[in-house]
């Protein structure tokens, strides 16, 4: 039986400095049957010059006017013809056996909609910074506490995800991926695959003060959206005060705005008793949230 086709989606915008590392990591996979879509979101650097030099029939270059990452990723998902798809950002890269390992797991676990590996955090140069061993998936960690468990190297079951969930929500500027993970987890199994198969690059200036402010606000909006989703379990709706408590704490960790701490304690005073424990969890959340 032939290996199923896997679509790899790389959205890029003015990322020529790192792009070839990402592309090389995909095209040198031990798993060959790949459809590779590199979607240039209107770059003004040398991105197109670099891509035109790559001679591999599996790679398709797609250029469009600047729309933002979420809509660019959505276009890739819409064009995907593979049984599975994976998103590799232009400044990240994946290990040689990443796709093979993920496909093997998905083929053995037919009901799983999304699987995610452990990953490596690197400095901007690509030098290893830390190894992130991600917890097993749980609603408590992923949704209640905003731990972004699926991260770099996550693989999706294409047709089923599109049919059940659709695409990323462009109203979330910075955490459309987290919203997507939440919605997928409400419709089917999401599972962790042990092994370090992906690399996330920490870049200077990734989180400006304005971006921090907007990202913090998005975490609050995420709970607003969750609570009107008819698929949300009743117990989560009943625990809405705790959901908002955690969203405020994560917003505090991102923005450093003390007003979020006041809001957290006000909406769920019981949580403040466990503050020392929560602060420890939040320190870990900086890794899980890839800050």
C-alpha atoms as a PDB file:
ATOM      1  CA  UNK A   1       0.000   0.000   0.000  1.00  0.00           C
ATOM      2  CA  UNK A   2       1.396   3.413  -1.002  1.00  0.00           C
ATOM      3  CA  UNK A   3       2.114   6.103   1.569  1.00  0.00           C
ATOM      4  CA  UNK A   4      -0.736   8.630   1.908  1.00  0.00           C
ATOM      5  CA  UNK A   5      -0.106  12.109   0.546  1.00  0.00           C
ATOM      6  CA  UNK A   6       0.746  14.761   3.134  1.00  0.00           C
ATOM      7  CA  UNK A   7       0.289  18.473   2.425  1.00  0.00           C
ATOM      8  CA  UNK A   8       2.817  20.760   4.085  1.00  0.00           C
ATOM      9  CA  UNK A   9       1.802  24.418   4.335  1.00  0.00           C
ATOM     10  CA  UNK A  10       4.383  27.159   4.888  1.00  0.00           C
ATOM     11  CA  UNK A  11       3.020  30.699   5.179  1.00  0.00           C
ATOM     12  CA  UNK A  12       5.754  33.300   4.806  1.00  0.00           C
ATOM     13  CA  UNK A  13       6.076  37.061   4.919  1.00  0.00           C
ATOM     14  CA  UNK A  14       9.490  38.756   4.637  1.00  0.00           C
ATOM     15  CA  UNK A  15      11.187  35.753   6.175  1.00  0.00           C
ATOM     16  CA  UNK A  16      13.880  35.121   3.564  1.00  0.00           C
ATOM     17  CA  UNK A  17      16.556  34.921   6.264  1.00  0.00           C
ATOM     18  CA  UNK A  18      15.095  31.678   7.635  1.00  0.00           C
ATOM     19  CA  UNK A  19      12.936  30.347   4.804  1.00  0.00           C
ATOM     20  CA  UNK A  20      15.465  28.023   3.178  1.00  0.00           C
ATOM     21  CA  UNK A  21      16.010  26.193   6.476  1.00  0.00           C
ATOM     22  CA  UNK A  22      12.268  25.503   6.703  1.00  0.00           C
ATOM     23  CA  UNK A  23      12.027  24.438   3.057  1.00  0.00           C
ATOM     24  CA  UNK A  24      15.072  22.192   3.289  1.00  0.00           C
ATOM     25  CA  UNK A  25      13.703  20.486   6.393  1.00  0.00           C
ATOM     26  CA  UNK A  26      10.504  19.625   4.518  1.00  0.00           C
ATOM     27  CA  UNK A  27      12.061  18.489   1.234  1.00  0.00           C
ATOM     28  CA  UNK A  28      14.670  16.337   2.999  1.00  0.00           C
ATOM     29  CA  UNK A  29      12.114  14.344   4.983  1.00  0.00           C
ATOM     30  CA  UNK A  30      12.502  10.574   5.159  1.00  0.00           C
ATOM     31  CA  UNK A  31       8.855  10.546   4.026  1.00  0.00           C
ATOM     32  CA  UNK A  32       8.736  11.427   0.310  1.00  0.00           C
ATOM     33  CA  UNK A  33       5.047  11.621  -0.646  1.00  0.00           C
ATOM     34  CA  UNK A  34       4.620  15.305   0.153  1.00  0.00           C
ATOM     35  CA  UNK A  35       2.697  18.116  -1.495  1.00  0.00           C
ATOM     36  CA  UNK A  36       4.485  21.298  -0.405  1.00  0.00           C
ATOM     37  CA  UNK A  37       2.645  24.618  -0.595  1.00  0.00           C
ATOM     38  CA  UNK A  38       4.730  27.721   0.168  1.00  0.00           C
ATOM     39  CA  UNK A  39       2.378  30.687   0.376  1.00  0.00           C
ATOM     40  CA  UNK A  40       4.069  34.076   0.143  1.00  0.00           C
ATOM     41  CA  UNK A  41       1.884  36.715   1.791  1.00  0.00           C
ATOM     42  CA  UNK A  42       3.175  39.606  -0.307  1.00  0.00           C
ATOM     43  CA  UNK A  43       6.821  39.587   0.804  1.00  0.00           C
ATOM     44  CA  UNK A  44       9.000  42.538  -0.238  1.00  0.00           C
ATOM     45  CA  UNK A  45      12.341  40.868   0.571  1.00  0.00           C
ATOM     46  CA  UNK A  46      14.204  38.160  -1.399  1.00  0.00           C
ATOM     47  CA  UNK A  47      11.636  35.438  -0.745  1.00  0.00           C
ATOM     48  CA  UNK A  48      10.565  34.965  -4.366  1.00  0.00           C
ATOM     49  CA  UNK A  49      14.171  35.025  -5.607  1.00  0.00           C
ATOM     50  CA  UNK A  50      15.030  32.209  -3.228  1.00  0.00           C
ATOM     51  CA  UNK A  51      11.981  30.096  -4.038  1.00  0.00           C
ATOM     52  CA  UNK A  52      12.394  30.299  -7.802  1.00  0.00           C
ATOM     53  CA  UNK A  53      15.794  28.610  -7.476  1.00  0.00           C
ATOM     54  CA  UNK A  54      14.368  25.508  -5.782  1.00  0.00           C
ATOM     55  CA  UNK A  55      13.945  22.621  -8.209  1.00  0.00           C
ATOM     56  CA  UNK A  56      11.592  20.106  -6.642  1.00  0.00           C
ATOM     57  CA  UNK A  57       8.319  19.134  -8.299  1.00  0.00           C
ATOM     58  CA  UNK A  58       6.694  18.654  -4.895  1.00  0.00           C
ATOM     59  CA  UNK A  59       6.943  22.385  -4.124  1.00  0.00           C
ATOM     60  CA  UNK A  60       4.327  24.851  -5.332  1.00  0.00           C
ATOM     61  CA  UNK A  61       4.940  28.593  -4.935  1.00  0.00           C
ATOM     62  CA  UNK A  62       1.855  30.751  -4.341  1.00  0.00           C
ATOM     63  CA  UNK A  63       2.050  34.542  -4.106  1.00  0.00           C
ATOM     64  CA  UNK A  64      -0.738  36.857  -2.967  1.00  0.00           C
ATOM     65  CA  UNK A  65      -1.201  40.377  -1.693  1.00  0.00           C
ATOM     66  CA  UNK A  66      -0.635  40.739   2.032  1.00  0.00           C
ATOM     67  CA  UNK A  67      -3.645  39.340   3.920  1.00  0.00           C
ATOM     68  CA  UNK A  68      -2.102  38.228   7.199  1.00  0.00           C
ATOM     69  CA  UNK A  69      -1.020  34.825   8.440  1.00  0.00           C
ATOM     70  CA  UNK A  70      -4.442  33.412   9.295  1.00  0.00           C
ATOM     71  CA  UNK A  71      -5.975  33.945   5.860  1.00  0.00           C
ATOM     72  CA  UNK A  72      -2.763  32.718   4.235  1.00  0.00           C
ATOM     73  CA  UNK A  73      -2.882  29.490   6.258  1.00  0.00           C
ATOM     74  CA  UNK A  74      -6.580  29.107   5.431  1.00  0.00           C
ATOM     75  CA  UNK A  75      -5.789  29.321   1.727  1.00  0.00           C
ATOM     76  CA  UNK A  76      -3.233  26.553   2.179  1.00  0.00           C
ATOM     77  CA  UNK A  77      -5.744  24.357   3.994  1.00  0.00           C
ATOM     78  CA  UNK A  78      -8.296  25.002   1.251  1.00  0.00           C
ATOM     79  CA  UNK A  79      -5.802  23.965  -1.435  1.00  0.00           C
ATOM     80  CA  UNK A  80      -4.553  20.902   0.435  1.00  0.00           C
ATOM     81  CA  UNK A  81      -5.180  17.600  -1.332  1.00  0.00           C
ATOM     82  CA  UNK A  82      -3.276  15.398   1.110  1.00  0.00           C
ATOM     83  CA  UNK A  83      -4.914  12.981   3.517  1.00  0.00           C
ATOM     84  CA  UNK A  84      -3.108  14.891   6.249  1.00  0.00           C
ATOM     85  CA  UNK A  85      -1.698  18.387   6.506  1.00  0.00           C
ATOM     86  CA  UNK A  86       0.962  20.001   8.646  1.00  0.00           C
ATOM     87  CA  UNK A  87       1.886  23.685   9.010  1.00  0.00           C
ATOM     88  CA  UNK A  88       5.582  24.599   9.115  1.00  0.00           C
ATOM     89  CA  UNK A  89       6.112  28.316   9.624  1.00  0.00           C
ATOM     90  CA  UNK A  90       8.811  29.980   7.557  1.00  0.00           C
ATOM     91  CA  UNK A  91      11.063  30.608  10.552  1.00  0.00           C
ATOM     92  CA  UNK A  92      10.626  27.108  12.028  1.00  0.00           C
ATOM     93  CA  UNK A  93      11.779  23.693  10.818  1.00  0.00           C
ATOM     94  CA  UNK A  94      11.082  20.005  11.392  1.00  0.00           C
ATOM     95  CA  UNK A  95      13.191  16.926  12.083  1.00  0.00           C
ATOM     96  CA  UNK A  96      13.987  14.430   9.333  1.00  0.00           C
ATOM     97  CA  UNK A  97      11.512  11.800  10.559  1.00  0.00           C
ATOM     98  CA  UNK A  98       8.761  14.216  11.631  1.00  0.00           C
ATOM     99  CA  UNK A  99       6.227  13.473   8.896  1.00  0.00           C
ATOM    100  CA  UNK A 100       6.920   9.731   8.840  1.00  0.00           C
ATOM    101  CA  UNK A 101       6.400   9.443  12.593  1.00  0.00           C
ATOM    102  CA  UNK A 102       3.194  11.476  12.561  1.00  0.00           C
ATOM    103  CA  UNK A 103       1.717   9.610   9.580  1.00  0.00           C
ATOM    104  CA  UNK A 104       2.480   6.253  11.204  1.00  0.00           C
ATOM    105  CA  UNK A 105       0.637   7.346  14.334  1.00  0.00           C
ATOM    106  CA  UNK A 106      -2.362   8.755  12.435  1.00  0.00           C
ATOM    107  CA  UNK A 107      -2.660   5.641  10.280  1.00  0.00           C
ATOM    108  CA  UNK A 108      -2.726   3.481  13.419  1.00  0.00           C
ATOM    109  CA  UNK A 109      -5.244   5.749  15.182  1.00  0.00           C
ATOM    110  CA  UNK A 110      -7.982   6.349  12.635  1.00  0.00           C
ATOM    111  CA  UNK A 111     -10.244   8.459  14.864  1.00  0.00           C
ATOM    112  CA  UNK A 112      -7.607  10.986  15.904  1.00  0.00           C
ATOM    113  CA  UNK A 113      -8.158  14.368  14.223  1.00  0.00           C
ATOM    114  CA  UNK A 114      -4.941  16.019  15.360  1.00  0.00           C
ATOM    115  CA  UNK A 115      -1.667  14.775  16.807  1.00  0.00           C
ATOM    116  CA  UNK A 116       1.209  16.867  18.123  1.00  0.00           C
ATOM    117  CA  UNK A 117       4.822  15.990  19.007  1.00  0.00           C
ATOM    118  CA  UNK A 118       7.263  17.322  21.563  1.00  0.00           C
ATOM    119  CA  UNK A 119       9.400  20.128  20.188  1.00  0.00           C
ATOM    120  CA  UNK A 120      12.622  22.069  20.595  1.00  0.00           C
ATOM    121  CA  UNK A 121      12.863  25.773  21.313  1.00  0.00           C
ATOM    122  CA  UNK A 122      15.871  27.373  19.599  1.00  0.00           C
ATOM    123  CA  UNK A 123      17.640  30.706  19.661  1.00  0.00           C
ATOM    124  CA  UNK A 124      17.311  32.891  16.580  1.00  0.00           C
ATOM    125  CA  UNK A 125      20.511  31.322  15.256  1.00  0.00           C
ATOM    126  CA  UNK A 126      18.935  27.857  15.433  1.00  0.00           C
ATOM    127  CA  UNK A 127      21.021  26.806  18.433  1.00  0.00           C
ATOM    128  CA  UNK A 128      19.037  24.695  20.882  1.00  0.00           C
ATOM    129  CA  UNK A 129      17.565  26.658  23.786  1.00  0.00           C
ATOM    130  CA  UNK A 130      15.369  24.088  25.529  1.00  0.00           C
ATOM    131  CA  UNK A 131      13.475  20.846  24.974  1.00  0.00           C
ATOM    132  CA  UNK A 132       9.705  21.122  25.436  1.00  0.00           C
ATOM    133  CA  UNK A 133       8.167  17.833  26.473  1.00  0.00           C
ATOM    134  CA  UNK A 134       4.471  18.537  25.994  1.00  0.00           C
ATOM    135  CA  UNK A 135       1.829  17.022  28.323  1.00  0.00           C
ATOM    136  CA  UNK A 136      -0.828  14.590  27.141  1.00  0.00           C
ATOM    137  CA  UNK A 137      -3.914  16.375  25.872  1.00  0.00           C
ATOM    138  CA  UNK A 138      -6.552  17.324  28.415  1.00  0.00           C
ATOM    139  CA  UNK A 139      -9.440  19.787  28.320  1.00  0.00           C
ATOM    140  CA  UNK A 140      -8.342  21.163  31.686  1.00  0.00           C
ATOM    141  CA  UNK A 141      -4.902  22.149  30.410  1.00  0.00           C
ATOM    142  CA  UNK A 142      -5.798  23.110  26.837  1.00  0.00           C
ATOM    143  CA  UNK A 143      -9.055  24.997  27.343  1.00  0.00           C
ATOM    144  CA  UNK A 144      -9.386  25.843  31.028  1.00  0.00           C
ATOM    145  CA  UNK A 145      -5.779  26.953  31.471  1.00  0.00           C
ATOM    146  CA  UNK A 146      -4.952  28.041  27.892  1.00  0.00           C
ATOM    147  CA  UNK A 147      -1.916  25.766  27.575  1.00  0.00           C
ATOM    148  CA  UNK A 148      -1.252  25.661  23.845  1.00  0.00           C
ATOM    149  CA  UNK A 149      -0.552  21.924  23.770  1.00  0.00           C
ATOM    150  CA  UNK A 150      -0.522  21.295  19.987  1.00  0.00           C
ATOM    151  CA  UNK A 151       2.443  23.267  18.715  1.00  0.00           C
ATOM    152  CA  UNK A 152       5.090  23.016  15.982  1.00  0.00           C
ATOM    153  CA  UNK A 153       4.825  19.823  13.960  1.00  0.00           C
ATOM    154  CA  UNK A 154       1.125  19.201  14.604  1.00  0.00           C
ATOM    155  CA  UNK A 155      -0.590  17.019  11.985  1.00  0.00           C
ATOM    156  CA  UNK A 156      -4.269  17.282  11.012  1.00  0.00           C
ATOM    157  CA  UNK A 157      -6.610  14.814   9.295  1.00  0.00           C
ATOM    158  CA  UNK A 158      -7.557  17.044   6.360  1.00  0.00           C
ATOM    159  CA  UNK A 159     -11.087  16.141   5.210  1.00  0.00           C
ATOM    160  CA  UNK A 160     -12.437  15.439   8.685  1.00  0.00           C
ATOM    161  CA  UNK A 161     -11.065  18.649  10.195  1.00  0.00           C
ATOM    162  CA  UNK A 162     -12.401  20.799   7.351  1.00  0.00           C
ATOM    163  CA  UNK A 163     -15.806  19.075   7.498  1.00  0.00           C
ATOM    164  CA  UNK A 164     -16.167  19.370  11.266  1.00  0.00           C
ATOM    165  CA  UNK A 165     -14.415  22.647  12.016  1.00  0.00           C
ATOM    166  CA  UNK A 166     -13.710  24.534   8.814  1.00  0.00           C
ATOM    167  CA  UNK A 167     -10.845  26.994   8.882  1.00  0.00           C
ATOM    168  CA  UNK A 168      -9.014  29.304  11.254  1.00  0.00           C
ATOM    169  CA  UNK A 169     -10.921  32.330  12.545  1.00  0.00           C
ATOM    170  CA  UNK A 170      -9.335  35.529  11.131  1.00  0.00           C
ATOM    171  CA  UNK A 171     -10.876  37.664  13.891  1.00  0.00           C
ATOM    172  CA  UNK A 172      -8.078  36.354  16.119  1.00  0.00           C
ATOM    173  CA  UNK A 173      -4.956  38.176  15.010  1.00  0.00           C
ATOM    174  CA  UNK A 174      -2.388  36.267  17.049  1.00  0.00           C
ATOM    175  CA  UNK A 175      -3.986  33.133  18.517  1.00  0.00           C
ATOM    176  CA  UNK A 176      -6.097  31.785  15.667  1.00  0.00           C
ATOM    177  CA  UNK A 177      -4.170  28.522  16.058  1.00  0.00           C
ATOM    178  CA  UNK A 178      -5.268  28.144  19.698  1.00  0.00           C
ATOM    179  CA  UNK A 179      -8.905  28.778  18.768  1.00  0.00           C
ATOM    180  CA  UNK A 180      -8.552  26.169  16.002  1.00  0.00           C
ATOM    181  CA  UNK A 181      -7.129  23.601  18.423  1.00  0.00           C
ATOM    182  CA  UNK A 182      -9.977  24.238  20.862  1.00  0.00           C
ATOM    183  CA  UNK A 183     -12.645  23.773  18.211  1.00  0.00           C
ATOM    184  CA  UNK A 184     -11.022  20.607  16.863  1.00  0.00           C
ATOM    185  CA  UNK A 185     -10.808  19.118  20.368  1.00  0.00           C
ATOM    186  CA  UNK A 186     -14.561  19.612  20.817  1.00  0.00           C
ATOM    187  CA  UNK A 187     -15.301  17.453  17.743  1.00  0.00           C
ATOM    188  CA  UNK A 188     -12.859  14.548  18.072  1.00  0.00           C
ATOM    189  CA  UNK A 189      -9.710  13.103  19.672  1.00  0.00           C
ATOM    190  CA  UNK A 190      -6.502  15.134  19.908  1.00  0.00           C
ATOM    191  CA  UNK A 191      -3.441  13.138  20.973  1.00  0.00           C
ATOM    192  CA  UNK A 192       0.201  13.679  21.901  1.00  0.00           C
ATOM    193  CA  UNK A 193       2.992  11.784  20.121  1.00  0.00           C
ATOM    194  CA  UNK A 194       6.167  11.368  22.147  1.00  0.00           C
ATOM    195  CA  UNK A 195       9.387  12.448  20.486  1.00  0.00           C
ATOM    196  CA  UNK A 196      11.065  15.739  19.554  1.00  0.00           C
ATOM    197  CA  UNK A 197      10.147  16.241  15.904  1.00  0.00           C
ATOM    198  CA  UNK A 198       9.811  20.018  15.433  1.00  0.00           C
ATOM    199  CA  UNK A 199      11.778  23.193  16.136  1.00  0.00           C
ATOM    200  CA  UNK A 200      10.404  26.609  17.076  1.00  0.00           C
ATOM    201  CA  UNK A 201      12.701  29.585  16.618  1.00  0.00           C
ATOM    202  CA  UNK A 202      12.712  32.401  19.199  1.00  0.00           C
ATOM    203  CA  UNK A 203      13.213  35.610  17.251  1.00  0.00           C
ATOM    204  CA  UNK A 204      14.108  39.040  18.599  1.00  0.00           C
ATOM    205  CA  UNK A 205      11.197  41.431  18.715  1.00  0.00           C
ATOM    206  CA  UNK A 206       8.537  38.762  18.184  1.00  0.00           C
ATOM    207  CA  UNK A 207       6.346  40.143  20.967  1.00  0.00           C
ATOM    208  CA  UNK A 208       6.085  43.953  20.847  1.00  0.00           C
ATOM    209  CA  UNK A 209       4.119  45.830  23.515  1.00  0.00           C
ATOM    210  CA  UNK A 210       1.249  46.476  21.094  1.00  0.00           C
ATOM    211  CA  UNK A 211       1.180  42.851  20.001  1.00  0.00           C
ATOM    212  CA  UNK A 212       1.248  41.746  23.647  1.00  0.00           C
ATOM    213  CA  UNK A 213      -1.773  43.927  24.370  1.00  0.00           C
ATOM    214  CA  UNK A 214      -3.762  42.547  21.437  1.00  0.00           C
ATOM    215  CA  UNK A 215      -2.769  38.950  22.177  1.00  0.00           C
ATOM    216  CA  UNK A 216      -3.861  39.332  25.804  1.00  0.00           C
ATOM    217  CA  UNK A 217      -7.230  40.680  24.664  1.00  0.00           C
ATOM    218  CA  UNK A 218      -7.609  37.742  22.273  1.00  0.00           C
ATOM    219  CA  UNK A 219      -7.328  35.273  25.171  1.00  0.00           C
ATOM    220  CA  UNK A 220     -10.331  36.928  26.828  1.00  0.00           C
ATOM    221  CA  UNK A 221     -12.249  36.948  23.546  1.00  0.00           C
ATOM    222  CA  UNK A 222     -11.450  33.255  23.135  1.00  0.00           C
ATOM    223  CA  UNK A 223     -13.444  32.416  26.275  1.00  0.00           C
ATOM    224  CA  UNK A 224     -16.309  34.654  25.111  1.00  0.00           C
ATOM    225  CA  UNK A 225     -16.479  32.641  21.890  1.00  0.00           C
ATOM    226  CA  UNK A 226     -16.090  29.293  23.647  1.00  0.00           C
ATOM    227  CA  UNK A 227     -19.050  29.809  25.958  1.00  0.00           C
ATOM    228  CA  UNK A 228     -21.503  30.265  23.072  1.00  0.00           C
ATOM    229  CA  UNK A 229     -20.266  27.170  21.227  1.00  0.00           C
ATOM    230  CA  UNK A 230     -23.046  24.530  21.421  1.00  0.00           C
ATOM    231  CA  UNK A 231     -20.440  21.739  21.515  1.00  0.00           C
ATOM    232  CA  UNK A 232     -18.907  22.931  24.778  1.00  0.00           C
ATOM    233  CA  UNK A 233     -19.546  20.471  27.652  1.00  0.00           C
ATOM    234  CA  UNK A 234     -22.004  21.727  30.240  1.00  0.00           C
ATOM    235  CA  UNK A 235     -19.437  21.509  33.034  1.00  0.00           C
ATOM    236  CA  UNK A 236     -17.215  24.038  31.250  1.00  0.00           C
ATOM    237  CA  UNK A 237     -20.078  26.487  30.936  1.00  0.00           C
ATOM    238  CA  UNK A 238     -20.853  26.068  34.631  1.00  0.00           C
ATOM    239  CA  UNK A 239     -17.200  26.795  35.416  1.00  0.00           C
ATOM    240  CA  UNK A 240     -17.147  30.002  33.377  1.00  0.00           C
ATOM    241  CA  UNK A 241     -15.733  32.054  36.266  1.00  0.00           C
ATOM    242  CA  UNK A 242     -12.714  29.764  36.434  1.00  0.00           C
ATOM    243  CA  UNK A 243     -12.330  29.920  32.644  1.00  0.00           C
ATOM    244  CA  UNK A 244     -12.169  33.706  32.780  1.00  0.00           C
ATOM    245  CA  UNK A 245      -9.841  33.540  35.794  1.00  0.00           C
ATOM    246  CA  UNK A 246      -7.312  31.589  33.745  1.00  0.00           C
ATOM    247  CA  UNK A 247      -7.741  33.782  30.683  1.00  0.00           C
ATOM    248  CA  UNK A 248      -6.917  36.828  32.815  1.00  0.00           C
ATOM    249  CA  UNK A 249      -3.844  35.120  34.282  1.00  0.00           C
ATOM    250  CA  UNK A 250      -2.564  34.201  30.833  1.00  0.00           C
ATOM    251  CA  UNK A 251      -3.277  37.747  29.659  1.00  0.00           C
ATOM    252  CA  UNK A 252      -1.250  38.964  32.660  1.00  0.00           C
ATOM    253  CA  UNK A 253       1.657  36.673  31.747  1.00  0.00           C
ATOM    254  CA  UNK A 254       1.653  38.002  28.173  1.00  0.00           C
ATOM    255  CA  UNK A 255       1.060  41.723  28.730  1.00  0.00           C
ATOM    256  CA  UNK A 256       2.400  42.286  32.284  1.00  0.00           C
ATOM    257  CA  UNK A 257      -0.683  44.469  32.841  1.00  0.00           C
ATOM    258  CA  UNK A 258      -1.580  44.262  36.586  1.00  0.00           C
ATOM    259  CA  UNK A 259      -5.222  45.049  35.850  1.00  0.00           C
ATOM    260  CA  UNK A 260      -5.613  41.468  34.635  1.00  0.00           C
ATOM    261  CA  UNK A 261      -4.592  40.182  38.064  1.00  0.00           C
ATOM    262  CA  UNK A 262      -7.278  42.345  39.670  1.00  0.00           C
ATOM    263  CA  UNK A 263      -9.871  41.015  37.230  1.00  0.00           C
ATOM    264  CA  UNK A 264      -8.810  37.418  37.869  1.00  0.00           C
ATOM    265  CA  UNK A 265      -9.131  37.708  41.649  1.00  0.00           C
ATOM    266  CA  UNK A 266     -12.436  39.570  41.343  1.00  0.00           C
ATOM    267  CA  UNK A 267     -14.121  37.041  39.071  1.00  0.00           C
ATOM    268  CA  UNK A 268     -12.966  33.947  40.991  1.00  0.00           C
ATOM    269  CA  UNK A 269     -11.686  34.821  44.481  1.00  0.00           C
ATOM    270  CA  UNK A 270     -11.159  31.147  45.316  1.00  0.00           C
ATOM    271  CA  UNK A 271      -8.398  31.038  42.720  1.00  0.00           C
ATOM    272  CA  UNK A 272      -6.315  33.659  44.495  1.00  0.00           C
ATOM    273  CA  UNK A 273      -5.799  31.248  47.421  1.00  0.00           C
ATOM    274  CA  UNK A 274      -3.810  29.024  45.047  1.00  0.00           C
ATOM    275  CA  UNK A 275      -1.837  31.893  43.548  1.00  0.00           C
ATOM    276  CA  UNK A 276       1.594  30.457  44.368  1.00  0.00           C
ATOM    277  CA  UNK A 277       0.731  27.253  42.523  1.00  0.00           C
ATOM    278  CA  UNK A 278      -0.732  29.160  39.610  1.00  0.00           C
ATOM    279  CA  UNK A 279       2.355  31.377  39.280  1.00  0.00           C
ATOM    280  CA  UNK A 280       4.438  28.249  38.859  1.00  0.00           C
ATOM    281  CA  UNK A 281       2.076  26.965  36.202  1.00  0.00           C
ATOM    282  CA  UNK A 282       2.184  30.306  34.443  1.00  0.00           C
ATOM    283  CA  UNK A 283       5.962  30.175  34.271  1.00  0.00           C
ATOM    284  CA  UNK A 284       5.620  26.867  32.464  1.00  0.00           C
ATOM    285  CA  UNK A 285       2.835  28.310  30.326  1.00  0.00           C
ATOM    286  CA  UNK A 286       5.384  30.706  28.802  1.00  0.00           C
ATOM    287  CA  UNK A 287       6.983  27.651  27.187  1.00  0.00           C
ATOM    288  CA  UNK A 288       3.740  25.950  26.215  1.00  0.00           C
ATOM    289  CA  UNK A 289       2.432  29.225  24.785  1.00  0.00           C
ATOM    290  CA  UNK A 290       5.783  29.644  22.996  1.00  0.00           C
ATOM    291  CA  UNK A 291       6.655  33.019  24.532  1.00  0.00           C
END
